[in-house]
C-alpha atoms as a PDB file:
ATOM      1  CA  MET A   1     121.607  65.022  97.069  1.00  0.00           C
ATOM      2  CA  ARG A   2     118.751  63.820  99.271  1.00  0.00           C
ATOM      3  CA  ASP A   3     116.789  66.228 101.369  1.00  0.00           C
ATOM      4  CA  HIS A   4     117.326  66.164 105.196  1.00  0.00           C
ATOM      5  CA  PRO A   5     114.751  63.851 106.736  1.00  0.00           C
ATOM      6  CA  PHE A   6     113.638  66.774 109.089  1.00  0.00           C
ATOM      7  CA  ILE A   7     112.877  68.958 105.986  1.00  0.00           C
ATOM      8  CA  ILE A   8     110.659  66.219 104.492  1.00  0.00           C
ATOM      9  CA  ARG A   9     108.840  65.749 107.710  1.00  0.00           C
ATOM     10  CA  PHE A  10     108.353  69.351 108.300  1.00  0.00           C
ATOM     11  CA  LEU A  11     106.957  69.810 104.648  1.00  0.00           C
ATOM     12  CA  ASP A  12     104.597  66.928 105.098  1.00  0.00           C
ATOM     13  CA  ALA A  13     103.323  68.287 108.345  1.00  0.00           C
ATOM     14  CA  LEU A  14     102.895  71.745 106.843  1.00  0.00           C
ATOM     15  CA  TRP A  15     100.961  70.364 103.916  1.00  0.00           C
ATOM     16  CA  LEU A  16      98.603  68.524 106.328  1.00  0.00           C
ATOM     17  CA  GLU A  17      98.128  71.574 108.565  1.00  0.00           C
ATOM     18  CA  LYS A  18      97.909  74.291 105.943  1.00  0.00           C
ATOM     19  CA  GLY A  19      97.351  72.576 102.638  1.00  0.00           C
ATOM     20  CA  LEU A  20     100.384  73.969 100.933  1.00  0.00           C
ATOM     21  CA  SER A  21     100.222  74.434  97.152  1.00  0.00           C
ATOM     22  CA  GLU A  22     102.861  72.523  95.144  1.00  0.00           C
ATOM     23  CA  HIS A  23     104.464  75.859  94.211  1.00  0.00           C
ATOM     24  CA  THR A  24     104.775  76.945  97.936  1.00  0.00           C
ATOM     25  CA  ARG A  25     105.926  73.521  98.968  1.00  0.00           C
ATOM     26  CA  SER A  26     108.676  73.590  96.193  1.00  0.00           C
ATOM     27  CA  ALA A  27     109.759  77.070  97.351  1.00  0.00           C
ATOM     28  CA  TYR A  28     110.067  75.971 100.989  1.00  0.00           C
ATOM     29  CA  GLN A  29     111.914  72.772 100.039  1.00  0.00           C
ATOM     30  CA  ASN A  30     114.387  74.696  97.717  1.00  0.00           C
ATOM     31  CA  ASP A  31     115.208  77.258 100.358  1.00  0.00           C
ATOM     32  CA  LEU A  32     115.663  74.798 103.146  1.00  0.00           C
ATOM     33  CA  SER A  33     117.725  72.310 100.951  1.00  0.00           C
ATOM     34  CA  GLN A  34     120.028  75.067  99.962  1.00  0.00           C
ATOM     35  CA  PHE A  35     120.525  76.210 103.564  1.00  0.00           C
ATOM     36  CA  ASP A  36     121.187  72.618 104.595  1.00  0.00           C
ATOM     37  CA  ALA A  37     123.696  72.095 101.793  1.00  0.00           C
ATOM     38  CA  TRP A  38     125.463  75.347 102.658  1.00  0.00           C
ATOM     39  CA  LEU A  39     125.617  74.386 106.286  1.00  0.00           C
ATOM     40  CA  GLY A  40     127.039  70.983 105.305  1.00  0.00           C
ATOM     41  CA  GLU A  41     129.919  72.572 103.540  1.00  0.00           C
ATOM     42  CA  GLN A  42     130.700  74.195 106.753  1.00  0.00           C
ATOM     43  CA  GLY A  43     130.587  70.931 108.654  1.00  0.00           C
ATOM     44  CA  ILE A  44     127.399  71.983 110.595  1.00  0.00           C
ATOM     45  CA  SER A  45     124.100  70.048 110.627  1.00  0.00           C
ATOM     46  CA  LEU A  46     120.636  71.774 110.258  1.00  0.00           C
ATOM     47  CA  GLU A  47     119.922  70.961 113.830  1.00  0.00           C
ATOM     48  CA  ASN A  48     122.974  72.619 115.180  1.00  0.00           C
ATOM     49  CA  ALA A  49     122.810  75.905 113.178  1.00  0.00           C
ATOM     50  CA  GLY A  50     122.863  78.805 115.465  1.00  0.00           C
ATOM     51  CA  ARG A  51     121.917  82.423 114.946  1.00  0.00           C
ATOM     52  CA  ASP A  52     125.466  83.457 113.921  1.00  0.00           C
ATOM     53  CA  ARG A  53     125.470  80.754 111.247  1.00  0.00           C
ATOM     54  CA  LEU A  54     122.198  82.038 109.917  1.00  0.00           C
ATOM     55  CA  LEU A  55     123.465  85.619 109.695  1.00  0.00           C
ATOM     56  CA  ASP A  56     126.611  84.284 107.903  1.00  0.00           C
ATOM     57  CA  HIS A  57     124.358  82.611 105.279  1.00  0.00           C
ATOM     58  CA  LEU A  58     122.351  85.826 104.852  1.00  0.00           C
ATOM     59  CA  ALA A  59     125.557  87.652 104.251  1.00  0.00           C
ATOM     60  CA  TRP A  60     126.607  84.975 101.750  1.00  0.00           C
ATOM     61  CA  ARG A  61     123.267  85.546  99.867  1.00  0.00           C
ATOM     62  CA  LEU A  62     123.962  89.248  99.815  1.00  0.00           C
ATOM     63  CA  ASP A  63     127.427  88.733  98.434  1.00  0.00           C
ATOM     64  CA  ARG A  64     125.955  86.676  95.547  1.00  0.00           C
ATOM     65  CA  GLY A  65     123.394  89.233  94.702  1.00  0.00           C
ATOM     66  CA  TYR A  66     120.197  87.598  95.927  1.00  0.00           C
ATOM     67  CA  LYS A  67     117.326  90.134  95.981  1.00  0.00           C
ATOM     68  CA  ALA A  68     115.795  91.291  99.168  1.00  0.00           C
ATOM     69  CA  ARG A  69     112.345  89.730  98.194  1.00  0.00           C
ATOM     70  CA  SER A  70     114.036  86.245  97.597  1.00  0.00           C
ATOM     71  CA  THR A  71     115.931  86.531 101.002  1.00  0.00           C
ATOM     72  CA  ALA A  72     112.684  87.519 102.769  1.00  0.00           C
ATOM     73  CA  ARG A  73     111.038  84.371 101.448  1.00  0.00           C
ATOM     74  CA  PHE A  74     114.039  82.329 102.381  1.00  0.00           C
ATOM     75  CA  LEU A  75     113.971  83.583 105.945  1.00  0.00           C
ATOM     76  CA  SER A  76     110.238  82.984 106.234  1.00  0.00           C
ATOM     77  CA  SER A  77     110.754  79.394 105.090  1.00  0.00           C
ATOM     78  CA  VAL A  78     113.667  78.854 107.581  1.00  0.00           C
ATOM     79  CA  ARG A  79     111.664  80.582 110.362  1.00  0.00           C
ATOM     80  CA  SER A  80     108.706  78.376 109.850  1.00  0.00           C
ATOM     81  CA  PHE A  81     111.018  75.233 109.770  1.00  0.00           C
ATOM     82  CA  TYR A  82     112.726  75.997 113.036  1.00  0.00           C
ATOM     83  CA  ARG A  83     109.579  77.017 114.914  1.00  0.00           C
ATOM     84  CA  TYR A  84     108.234  73.597 114.049  1.00  0.00           C
ATOM     85  CA  ALA A  85     111.546  71.932 114.925  1.00  0.00           C
ATOM     86  CA  VAL A  86     111.451  73.451 118.381  1.00  0.00           C
ATOM     87  CA  ARG A  87     107.802  72.283 118.890  1.00  0.00           C
ATOM     88  CA  GLU A  88     108.716  68.791 117.821  1.00  0.00           C
ATOM     89  CA  GLY A  89     111.881  68.737 119.955  1.00  0.00           C
ATOM     90  CA  TRP A  90     114.324  68.357 117.100  1.00  0.00           C
ATOM     91  CA  VAL A  91     116.313  71.450 118.209  1.00  0.00           C
ATOM     92  CA  GLU A  92     116.526  73.413 121.449  1.00  0.00           C
ATOM     93  CA  GLN A  93     116.631  76.976 120.176  1.00  0.00           C
ATOM     94  CA  ASP A  94     115.310  78.840 117.164  1.00  0.00           C
ATOM     95  CA  PRO A  95     118.209  80.475 115.377  1.00  0.00           C
ATOM     96  CA  THR A  96     115.844  82.824 113.584  1.00  0.00           C
ATOM     97  CA  LEU A  97     114.837  84.715 116.774  1.00  0.00           C
ATOM     98  CA  GLN A  98     115.897  88.432 116.648  1.00  0.00           C
ATOM     99  CA  VAL A  99     116.777  88.072 112.893  1.00  0.00           C
ATOM    100  CA  ASP A 100     114.860  90.756 111.006  1.00  0.00           C
ATOM    101  CA  LEU A 101     113.420  90.350 107.582  1.00  0.00           C
ATOM    102  CA  PRO A 102     115.073  92.536 104.915  1.00  0.00           C
ATOM    103  CA  LYS A 103     113.268  95.741 104.162  1.00  0.00           C
ATOM    104  CA  LEU A 104     111.457  95.322 100.777  1.00  0.00           C
ATOM    105  CA  GLY A 105     110.174  98.872 100.314  1.00  0.00           C
ATOM    106  CA  ALA A 106     106.653  99.605  99.427  1.00  0.00           C
ATOM    107  CA  PRO A 107     105.813  98.872  95.780  1.00  0.00           C
ATOM    108  CA  LEU A 108     104.879 101.922  93.737  1.00  0.00           C
ATOM    109  CA  PRO A 109     101.190 101.839  92.885  1.00  0.00           C
ATOM    110  CA  LYS A 110     100.286 101.815  89.220  1.00  0.00           C
ATOM    111  CA  SER A 111      98.943 105.054  87.926  1.00  0.00           C
ATOM    112  CA  LEU A 112      97.375 106.539  84.748  1.00  0.00           C
ATOM    113  CA  SER A 113      98.490 109.572  82.856  1.00  0.00           C
ATOM    114  CA  GLU A 114      95.980 112.427  82.709  1.00  0.00           C
ATOM    115  CA  ALA A 115      95.304 111.628  79.069  1.00  0.00           C
ATOM    116  CA  ASP A 116      94.511 108.031  80.005  1.00  0.00           C
ATOM    117  CA  VAL A 117      92.112 109.247  82.735  1.00  0.00           C
ATOM    118  CA  GLU A 118      90.393 111.573  80.185  1.00  0.00           C
ATOM    119  CA  ALA A 119      89.926 108.602  77.834  1.00  0.00           C
ATOM    120  CA  LEU A 120      88.541 106.364  80.572  1.00  0.00           C
ATOM    121  CA  LEU A 121      86.093 109.067  81.783  1.00  0.00           C
ATOM    122  CA  ALA A 122      84.870 109.511  78.216  1.00  0.00           C
ATOM    123  CA  ALA A 123      84.380 105.736  77.639  1.00  0.00           C
ATOM    124  CA  PRO A 124      80.819 105.117  79.048  1.00  0.00           C
ATOM    125  CA  ASP A 125      77.910 105.738  76.791  1.00  0.00           C
ATOM    126  CA  THR A 126      76.086 108.524  78.620  1.00  0.00           C
ATOM    127  CA  ASP A 127      72.929 108.140  76.518  1.00  0.00           C
ATOM    128  CA  ASP A 128      72.288 105.001  78.533  1.00  0.00           C
ATOM    129  CA  PRO A 129      71.289 105.180  82.239  1.00  0.00           C
ATOM    130  CA  LEU A 130      73.945 102.584  83.145  1.00  0.00           C
ATOM    131  CA  GLY A 131      76.605 104.517  81.138  1.00  0.00           C
ATOM    132  CA  MET A 132      75.601 107.721  82.818  1.00  0.00           C
ATOM    133  CA  ARG A 133      75.942 106.039  86.183  1.00  0.00           C
ATOM    134  CA  ASP A 134      79.333 104.788  85.379  1.00  0.00           C
ATOM    135  CA  ARG A 135      80.541 107.964  84.013  1.00  0.00           C
ATOM    136  CA  THR A 136      79.484 109.784  87.091  1.00  0.00           C
ATOM    137  CA  MET A 137      81.024 107.257  89.337  1.00  0.00           C
ATOM    138  CA  LEU A 138      84.338 107.554  87.487  1.00  0.00           C
ATOM    139  CA  GLU A 139      84.228 111.304  87.714  1.00  0.00           C
ATOM    140  CA  VAL A 140      83.511 111.140  91.507  1.00  0.00           C
ATOM    141  CA  LEU A 141      86.294 108.563  91.998  1.00  0.00           C
ATOM    142  CA  TYR A 142      88.867 110.649  90.075  1.00  0.00           C
ATOM    143  CA  ALA A 143      87.650 113.900  91.784  1.00  0.00           C
ATOM    144  CA  THR A 144      87.780 112.525  95.235  1.00  0.00           C
ATOM    145  CA  GLY A 145      90.220 109.609  95.559  1.00  0.00           C
ATOM    146  CA  LEU A 146      87.695 107.415  97.274  1.00  0.00           C
ATOM    147  CA  ARG A 147      88.305 103.824  97.856  1.00  0.00           C
ATOM    148  CA  VAL A 148      86.006 101.722  95.651  1.00  0.00           C
ATOM    149  CA  SER A 149      84.339 100.264  98.701  1.00  0.00           C
ATOM    150  CA  GLU A 150      83.525 103.831  99.802  1.00  0.00           C
ATOM    151  CA  LEU A 151      82.159 104.689  96.341  1.00  0.00           C
ATOM    152  CA  VAL A 152      79.763 101.969  95.957  1.00  0.00           C
ATOM    153  CA  GLY A 153      78.478 102.348  99.567  1.00  0.00           C
ATOM    154  CA  LEU A 154      77.634 106.003  99.177  1.00  0.00           C
ATOM    155  CA  THR A 155      74.092 107.116 100.185  1.00  0.00           C
ATOM    156  CA  LEU A 156      72.145 110.230  99.082  1.00  0.00           C
ATOM    157  CA  GLN A 157      72.587 111.520 102.736  1.00  0.00           C
ATOM    158  CA  GLN A 158      76.365 111.611 102.399  1.00  0.00           C
ATOM    159  CA  LEU A 159      76.077 113.941  99.284  1.00  0.00           C
ATOM    160  CA  ASN A 160      75.744 117.678  99.743  1.00  0.00           C
ATOM    161  CA  LEU A 161      75.540 119.313  96.334  1.00  0.00           C
ATOM    162  CA  ARG A 162      74.932 122.852  97.848  1.00  0.00           C
ATOM    163  CA  GLN A 163      78.268 122.540  99.626  1.00  0.00           C
ATOM    164  CA  GLY A 164      79.884 120.527  96.881  1.00  0.00           C
ATOM    165  CA  SER A 165      81.098 117.818  99.266  1.00  0.00           C
ATOM    166  CA  LEU A 166      80.813 114.146 100.314  1.00  0.00           C
ATOM    167  CA  ARG A 167      80.838 112.945 103.842  1.00  0.00           C
ATOM    168  CA  VAL A 168      82.762 109.698 103.819  1.00  0.00           C
ATOM    169  CA  PHE A 169      83.293 106.952 106.456  1.00  0.00           C
ATOM    170  CA  GLY A 170      86.485 105.183 105.732  1.00  0.00           C
ATOM    171  CA  LYS A 171      88.587 102.582 107.574  1.00  0.00           C
ATOM    172  CA  GLY A 172      87.918 102.435 111.190  1.00  0.00           C
ATOM    173  CA  ASN A 173      84.605 104.267 110.517  1.00  0.00           C
ATOM    174  CA  LYS A 174      86.617 107.496 110.421  1.00  0.00           C
ATOM    175  CA  GLU A 175      84.678 110.392 108.892  1.00  0.00           C
ATOM    176  CA  ARG A 176      86.153 112.790 106.509  1.00  0.00           C
ATOM    177  CA  LEU A 177      84.653 115.571 104.339  1.00  0.00           C
ATOM    178  CA  ILE A 178      85.854 115.719 100.713  1.00  0.00           C
ATOM    179  CA  PRO A 179      85.285 118.400  98.110  1.00  0.00           C
ATOM    180  CA  LEU A 180      83.845 117.428  94.813  1.00  0.00           C
ATOM    181  CA  GLY A 181      84.908 119.897  92.292  1.00  0.00           C
ATOM    182  CA  GLU A 182      82.751 121.538  89.627  1.00  0.00           C
ATOM    183  CA  GLU A 183      83.096 118.772  87.136  1.00  0.00           C
ATOM    184  CA  ALA A 184      81.983 115.960  89.389  1.00  0.00           C
ATOM    185  CA  ILE A 185      79.104 118.162  90.740  1.00  0.00           C
ATOM    186  CA  ALA A 186      77.916 118.787  87.178  1.00  0.00           C
ATOM    187  CA  TRP A 187      77.917 115.092  86.449  1.00  0.00           C
ATOM    188  CA  LEU A 188      76.180 114.183  89.678  1.00  0.00           C
ATOM    189  CA  GLU A 189      73.390 116.713  89.088  1.00  0.00           C
ATOM    190  CA  ARG A 190      72.823 115.383  85.639  1.00  0.00           C
ATOM    191  CA  TYR A 191      72.951 111.718  86.747  1.00  0.00           C
ATOM    192  CA  LEU A 192      70.484 112.450  89.499  1.00  0.00           C
ATOM    193  CA  ARG A 193      68.147 114.180  87.132  1.00  0.00           C
ATOM    194  CA  GLU A 194      68.411 111.800  84.129  1.00  0.00           C
ATOM    195  CA  ALA A 195      69.542 108.295  85.109  1.00  0.00           C
ATOM    196  CA  ARG A 196      69.220 107.310  88.828  1.00  0.00           C
ATOM    197  CA  GLY A 197      65.433 106.987  88.680  1.00  0.00           C
ATOM    198  CA  ALA A 198      65.705 104.375  85.855  1.00  0.00           C
ATOM    199  CA  LEU A 199      68.186 102.288  87.866  1.00  0.00           C
ATOM    200  CA  GLN A 200      66.063 102.191  91.113  1.00  0.00           C
ATOM    201  CA  ASN A 201      63.858  99.362  89.683  1.00  0.00           C
ATOM    202  CA  GLY A 202      60.874 100.669  91.595  1.00  0.00           C
ATOM    203  CA  LEU A 203      62.686 100.572  94.974  1.00  0.00           C
ATOM    204  CA  ALA A 204      62.854 103.387  97.386  1.00  0.00           C
ATOM    205  CA  THR A 205      66.540 103.062  97.970  1.00  0.00           C
ATOM    206  CA  ASP A 206      68.980 105.641  99.259  1.00  0.00           C
ATOM    207  CA  VAL A 207      71.944 104.127  97.519  1.00  0.00           C
ATOM    208  CA  LEU A 208      73.551 106.820  95.350  1.00  0.00           C
ATOM    209  CA  PHE A 209      74.738 104.561  92.659  1.00  0.00           C
ATOM    210  CA  PRO A 210      72.359 101.600  92.589  1.00  0.00           C
ATOM    211  CA  SER A 211      72.834  98.474  90.392  1.00  0.00           C
ATOM    212  CA  LEU A 212      70.251  97.457  87.805  1.00  0.00           C
ATOM    213  CA  ARG A 213      68.401  95.704  90.564  1.00  0.00           C
ATOM    214  CA  GLY A 214      68.127  98.913  92.533  1.00  0.00           C
ATOM    215  CA  THR A 215      70.475  97.796  95.267  1.00  0.00           C
ATOM    216  CA  GLU A 216      74.015  98.549  96.192  1.00  0.00           C
ATOM    217  CA  MET A 217      76.380  97.103  93.644  1.00  0.00           C
ATOM    218  CA  THR A 218      79.466  95.057  94.791  1.00  0.00           C
ATOM    219  CA  ARG A 219      83.047  96.285  94.431  1.00  0.00           C
ATOM    220  CA  GLN A 220      83.652  93.346  92.020  1.00  0.00           C
ATOM    221  CA  THR A 221      80.835  94.494  89.775  1.00  0.00           C
ATOM    222  CA  PHE A 222      82.196  98.081  89.684  1.00  0.00           C
ATOM    223  CA  TRP A 223      85.786  96.746  88.959  1.00  0.00           C
ATOM    224  CA  HIS A 224      84.356  94.730  86.074  1.00  0.00           C
ATOM    225  CA  ARG A 225      82.763  97.855  84.727  1.00  0.00           C
ATOM    226  CA  ILE A 226      86.026  99.805  84.996  1.00  0.00           C
ATOM    227  CA  LYS A 227      87.803  97.006  82.956  1.00  0.00           C
ATOM    228  CA  LEU A 228      85.207  97.155  80.263  1.00  0.00           C
ATOM    229  CA  HIS A 229      85.539 100.910  79.990  1.00  0.00           C
ATOM    230  CA  ALA A 230      89.284 100.727  79.956  1.00  0.00           C
ATOM    231  CA  GLN A 231      89.096  98.357  77.074  1.00  0.00           C
ATOM    232  CA  THR A 232      86.801 100.769  75.240  1.00  0.00           C
ATOM    233  CA  ALA A 233      89.319 103.612  75.877  1.00  0.00           C
ATOM    234  CA  GLY A 234      92.119 101.575  74.483  1.00  0.00           C
ATOM    235  CA  ILE A 235      94.053 101.515  77.873  1.00  0.00           C
ATOM    236  CA  ASP A 236      96.355  98.563  78.072  1.00  0.00           C
ATOM    237  CA  LYS A 237      98.218  99.475  81.249  1.00  0.00           C
ATOM    238  CA  PRO A 238      97.929  97.208  84.337  1.00  0.00           C
ATOM    239  CA  LEU A 239      94.819  98.389  86.167  1.00  0.00           C
ATOM    240  CA  SER A 240      93.628  97.698  89.750  1.00  0.00           C
ATOM    241  CA  PRO A 241      90.419  98.663  91.832  1.00  0.00           C
ATOM    242  CA  HIS A 242      92.489 101.511  93.197  1.00  0.00           C
ATOM    243  CA  THR A 243      93.787 102.837  89.835  1.00  0.00           C
ATOM    244  CA  LEU A 244      91.735 106.155  89.898  1.00  0.00           C
ATOM    245  CA  ARG A 245      92.584 106.652  93.627  1.00  0.00           C
ATOM    246  CA  HIS A 246      96.235 106.339  92.734  1.00  0.00           C
ATOM    247  CA  ALA A 247      95.862 108.687  89.743  1.00  0.00           C
ATOM    248  CA  PHE A 248      93.914 111.339  91.946  1.00  0.00           C
ATOM    249  CA  ALA A 249      96.736 111.350  94.406  1.00  0.00           C
ATOM    250  CA  THR A 250      99.629 111.370  91.856  1.00  0.00           C
ATOM    251  CA  HIS A 251      98.089 114.047  89.658  1.00  0.00           C
ATOM    252  CA  LEU A 252      97.391 116.253  92.688  1.00  0.00           C
ATOM    253  CA  LEU A 253     101.038 116.114  93.728  1.00  0.00           C
ATOM    254  CA  ASN A 254     102.166 116.681  90.137  1.00  0.00           C
ATOM    255  CA  HIS A 255     100.249 119.935  90.171  1.00  0.00           C
ATOM    256  CA  GLY A 256     101.722 121.143  93.517  1.00  0.00           C
ATOM    257  CA  ALA A 257      99.280 119.903  96.180  1.00  0.00           C
ATOM    258  CA  ASP A 258     100.526 119.548  99.672  1.00  0.00           C
ATOM    259  CA  LEU A 259     101.272 115.974 100.905  1.00  0.00           C
ATOM    260  CA  ARG A 260      99.244 116.664 104.109  1.00  0.00           C
ATOM    261  CA  THR A 261      96.252 117.779 102.108  1.00  0.00           C
ATOM    262  CA  VAL A 262      96.499 114.535  99.976  1.00  0.00           C
ATOM    263  CA  GLN A 263      96.747 112.482 103.143  1.00  0.00           C
ATOM    264  CA  MET A 264      93.592 113.948 104.549  1.00  0.00           C
ATOM    265  CA  LEU A 265      91.696 113.562 101.258  1.00  0.00           C
ATOM    266  CA  LEU A 266      92.749 109.915 100.928  1.00  0.00           C
ATOM    267  CA  GLY A 267      92.024 109.191 104.584  1.00  0.00           C
ATOM    268  CA  HIS A 268      95.405 107.815 105.409  1.00  0.00           C
ATOM    269  CA  SER A 269      96.004 107.655 109.114  1.00  0.00           C
ATOM    270  CA  SER A 270      99.771 108.033 108.622  1.00  0.00           C
ATOM    271  CA  LEU A 271     101.606 110.359 106.451  1.00  0.00           C
ATOM    272  CA  SER A 272     104.093 107.590 105.596  1.00  0.00           C
ATOM    273  CA  THR A 273     101.448 105.773 103.741  1.00  0.00           C
ATOM    274  CA  THR A 274     100.838 108.885 101.477  1.00  0.00           C
ATOM    275  CA  GLN A 275     104.540 109.424 100.971  1.00  0.00           C
ATOM    276  CA  ILE A 276     104.791 106.663  98.500  1.00  0.00           C
ATOM    277  CA  TYR A 277     103.109 108.927  95.988  1.00  0.00           C
ATOM    278  CA  THR A 278     105.916 111.551  96.277  1.00  0.00           C
ATOM    279  CA  HIS A 279     108.230 108.912  94.608  1.00  0.00           C
ATOM    280  CA  ILE A 280     105.862 108.782  91.538  1.00  0.00           C
ATOM    281  CA  ALA A 281     105.455 112.615  91.469  1.00  0.00           C
ATOM    282  CA  ARG A 282     109.280 113.029  91.662  1.00  0.00           C
ATOM    283  CA  ALA A 283     109.812 110.557  88.823  1.00  0.00           C
ATOM    284  CA  ARG A 284     107.307 112.426  86.713  1.00  0.00           C
ATOM    285  CA  LEU A 285     109.054 115.665  87.354  1.00  0.00           C
ATOM    286  CA  GLN A 286     112.446 114.170  86.439  1.00  0.00           C
ATOM    287  CA  THR A 287     111.014 112.918  83.185  1.00  0.00           C
ATOM    288  CA  LEU A 288     109.437 116.347  82.285  1.00  0.00           C
ATOM    289  CA  HIS A 289     112.769 117.991  83.124  1.00  0.00           C
ATOM    290  CA  ALA A 290     114.594 115.646  80.814  1.00  0.00           C
ATOM    291  CA  GLN A 291     112.156 116.142  77.990  1.00  0.00           C
ATOM    292  CA  HIS A 292     111.743 119.912  78.120  1.00  0.00           C
ATOM    293  CA  HIS A 293     114.917 121.384  79.748  1.00  0.00           C
ATOM    294  CA  PRO A 294     117.602 122.411  77.235  1.00  0.00           C
ATOM    295  CA  ARG A 295     120.250 120.701  79.280  1.00  0.00           C
ATOM    296  CA  GLY A 296     117.963 117.898  80.432  1.00  0.00           C
END
């Protein structure tokens, strides 16, 4: 079966305008060709498919067990096609108007167990200034739930060891005050006393955690350091730059912290963003119940 000529022209135009990869082009082509074939079985052309026919096709996909993510991609392909078709005058109306994408649900962030975190924290060689810096950064990250970008950008002025807190400027330059905890404070005091001077490279910098050049390190550099320490710790779970941030939130909730408190500490503007962690905490509680309850 040959593809509809409009599909070919649309894909060629999209390739010229946006430089589609072969994978993306193939996905668009498969989605549109399937829809065109389905319409053909109903005796309808691609140009004459209205909103009702599109909804019928979405229901057909649902009946056949297509996943929401697959259908969302299909609808995105069809929507792009009909917007272009209207622009080119091939069709008069876009049938995808007022057709909502299926709800995918937010993916659960990957997290580490408390034992994993302990192993990761212990991985850097603290006899070396670089290792001492990394250990302190990991301790601060786990103690505060900072974003990596917030961590590498910390300055001495944002640290108040007397009060045991950090003053952080997050997304939208919103300020929040975060408690450090005794363990992180102890490591910060030791790092400032024993290691930071060796990393300044003779520069009078106010960066709290300078690179070997004495300047602010990039997020990518610190992420590389985390992966190295994870290998040393024998952690083979999928990691991301936000791994310790996720562990911070999850472990707090597992130990009974209030969701609003976690929201404030993470710097989330909406509670709904923080609520994703309750799914992880709930799953953890269910696992513990199954393992330890006599009737679990």
